[in-house]
Amino acid sequence: MKKILFVEDEVALQKAFGTILKDKGYDVVSALDGETGLKLAKEEKPNLILLDLILPKIHGFEVLKKLKEEKETQEIPVIVLTNLEDMENVGKALELGAMAYLIKAQYGLEEVLEKIKKALGEI
């Protein structure tokens, strides 16, 4: 079973999306802030990380930067899932090593699931 770490501070979204991912057969590990997300990435060694950018404790860009700097986490694919729409943020996230940048308001759950499957090599 593939493991996904979902770093998102909106509890409702965390629960809703976590339930859908579990129903699709994924093991989901949740973090409500950047600090916990980094810690869990090292401990749990997920197959994929879904990362919000606006997070308590450590901002998502800093989390992404640290994930890609550390040997034990640098190979984990990261999909940024956020509400920040400007191109500067998109460019920065991709430059730091994110494999995709999805704006929450523009993607339905099925589209996000497709991106996850693609990132995990399932399609």
Protein backbone atom coordinates (compact mmCIF):
# COMPACT_ATOMS: atom_id res chain seq x y z
CA MET A 1 0.00 0.00 0.00
CA LYS A 2 1.39 3.39 -1.03
CA LYS A 3 1.74 5.96 1.74
CA ILE A 4 0.84 9.63 1.28
CA LEU A 5 1.79 12.37 3.72
CA PHE A 6 -0.79 15.18 3.59
CA VAL A 7 0.53 18.42 5.10
CA GLU A 8 -2.51 20.70 5.38
CA ASP A 9 -3.70 22.96 8.20
CA GLU A 10 -7.40 23.01 7.24
CA VAL A 11 -8.84 20.20 9.35
CA ALA A 12 -11.99 19.79 7.22
CA LEU A 13 -9.98 19.42 4.03
CA GLN A 14 -7.53 17.13 5.79
CA LYS A 15 -10.39 14.81 6.89
CA ALA A 16 -12.32 14.89 3.61
CA PHE A 17 -9.32 14.29 1.41
CA GLY A 18 -7.82 11.76 3.82
CA THR A 19 -11.03 9.72 3.71
CA ILE A 20 -11.12 9.75 -0.09
CA LEU A 21 -7.47 8.70 -0.35
CA LYS A 22 -8.00 5.88 2.15
CA ASP A 23 -11.05 4.73 0.18
CA LYS A 24 -8.82 4.60 -2.92
CA GLY A 25 -6.43 2.28 -1.10
CA TYR A 26 -3.74 4.65 0.14
CA ASP A 27 -2.29 4.80 3.62
CA VAL A 28 -2.60 8.45 4.68
CA VAL A 29 -0.46 10.20 7.27
CA SER A 30 -1.59 13.70 8.27
CA ALA A 31 0.25 16.76 9.52
CA LEU A 32 -1.42 20.05 10.44
CA ASP A 33 1.74 22.19 10.34
CA GLY A 34 5.06 22.37 8.52
CA GLU A 35 7.16 21.29 11.48
CA THR A 36 5.17 18.08 11.99
CA GLY A 37 5.17 17.50 8.22
CA LEU A 38 8.97 17.54 8.07
CA LYS A 39 9.25 15.23 11.07
CA LEU A 40 6.73 12.75 9.62
CA ALA A 41 8.41 12.80 6.20
CA LYS A 42 11.59 11.50 7.82
CA GLU A 43 9.88 9.02 10.14
CA GLU A 44 7.21 7.62 7.81
CA LYS A 45 9.11 7.73 4.50
CA PRO A 46 5.95 8.30 2.40
CA ASN A 47 5.76 7.52 -1.32
CA LEU A 48 4.32 10.99 -1.97
CA ILE A 49 3.79 14.27 -0.12
CA LEU A 50 0.82 16.59 -0.69
CA LEU A 51 1.94 19.96 0.65
CA ASP A 52 0.01 23.16 1.35
CA LEU A 53 2.10 26.35 1.38
CA ILE A 54 0.33 28.47 4.01
CA LEU A 55 1.12 26.48 7.14
CA PRO A 56 1.66 27.20 10.84
CA LYS A 57 5.16 26.91 12.36
CA ILE A 58 7.11 26.40 9.10
CA HIS A 59 5.93 27.81 5.74
CA GLY A 60 5.40 25.29 2.93
CA PHE A 61 8.24 26.71 0.82
CA GLU A 62 10.66 26.14 3.71
CA VAL A 63 9.30 22.61 4.19
CA LEU A 64 9.81 21.88 0.49
CA LYS A 65 13.33 23.32 0.54
CA LYS A 66 14.29 21.20 3.56
CA LEU A 67 12.73 18.05 2.08
CA LYS A 68 14.79 18.46 -1.08
CA GLU A 69 18.02 19.25 0.83
CA GLU A 70 17.93 16.20 3.08
CA LYS A 71 19.21 12.92 1.68
CA GLU A 72 16.51 10.80 3.32
CA THR A 73 13.61 12.82 1.85
CA GLN A 74 14.93 14.39 -1.37
CA GLU A 75 13.61 11.62 -3.65
CA ILE A 76 10.02 11.76 -2.35
CA PRO A 77 7.76 13.38 -4.97
CA VAL A 78 5.98 16.50 -3.68
CA ILE A 79 2.74 17.90 -5.08
CA VAL A 80 1.95 21.41 -3.86
CA LEU A 81 -1.79 21.82 -3.22
CA THR A 82 -2.55 25.42 -2.27
CA ASN A 83 -4.70 28.50 -2.81
CA LEU A 84 -1.77 30.73 -3.81
CA GLU A 85 -2.31 31.45 -7.51
CA ASP A 86 0.38 33.84 -8.66
CA MET A 87 3.00 32.64 -11.12
CA GLU A 88 5.86 33.70 -8.85
CA ASN A 89 4.78 31.07 -6.29
CA VAL A 90 4.31 28.42 -8.98
CA GLY A 91 7.81 29.07 -10.31
CA LYS A 92 9.35 29.07 -6.86
CA ALA A 93 7.71 25.76 -5.89
CA LEU A 94 8.83 24.05 -9.10
CA GLU A 95 12.32 25.52 -8.73
CA LEU A 96 12.52 24.10 -5.19
CA GLY A 97 11.66 20.64 -6.49
CA ALA A 98 7.87 20.22 -6.47
CA MET A 99 6.71 17.95 -9.29
CA ALA A 100 3.32 19.67 -9.63
CA TYR A 101 1.56 22.80 -8.38
CA LEU A 102 -2.20 22.54 -7.99
CA ILE A 103 -4.47 25.40 -6.98
CA LYS A 104 -7.21 24.02 -4.74
CA ALA A 105 -10.00 26.11 -6.27
CA GLN A 106 -9.13 25.00 -9.81
CA TYR A 107 -8.92 21.24 -9.32
CA GLY A 108 -11.59 18.74 -8.37
CA LEU A 109 -10.80 15.70 -6.25
CA GLU A 110 -10.74 13.38 -9.27
CA GLU A 111 -8.15 15.57 -11.00
CA VAL A 112 -5.99 15.64 -7.88
CA LEU A 113 -6.28 11.84 -7.64
CA GLU A 114 -5.13 11.55 -11.27
CA LYS A 115 -2.05 13.68 -10.46
CA ILE A 116 -1.33 11.50 -7.41
CA LYS A 117 -1.61 8.27 -9.45
CA LYS A 118 0.65 9.72 -12.12
CA ALA A 119 3.24 10.82 -9.55
CA LEU A 120 3.22 7.35 -8.01
CA GLY A 121 3.63 5.70 -11.41
CA GLU A 122 0.21 4.06 -11.27
CA ILE A 123 -0.92 5.42 -14.65
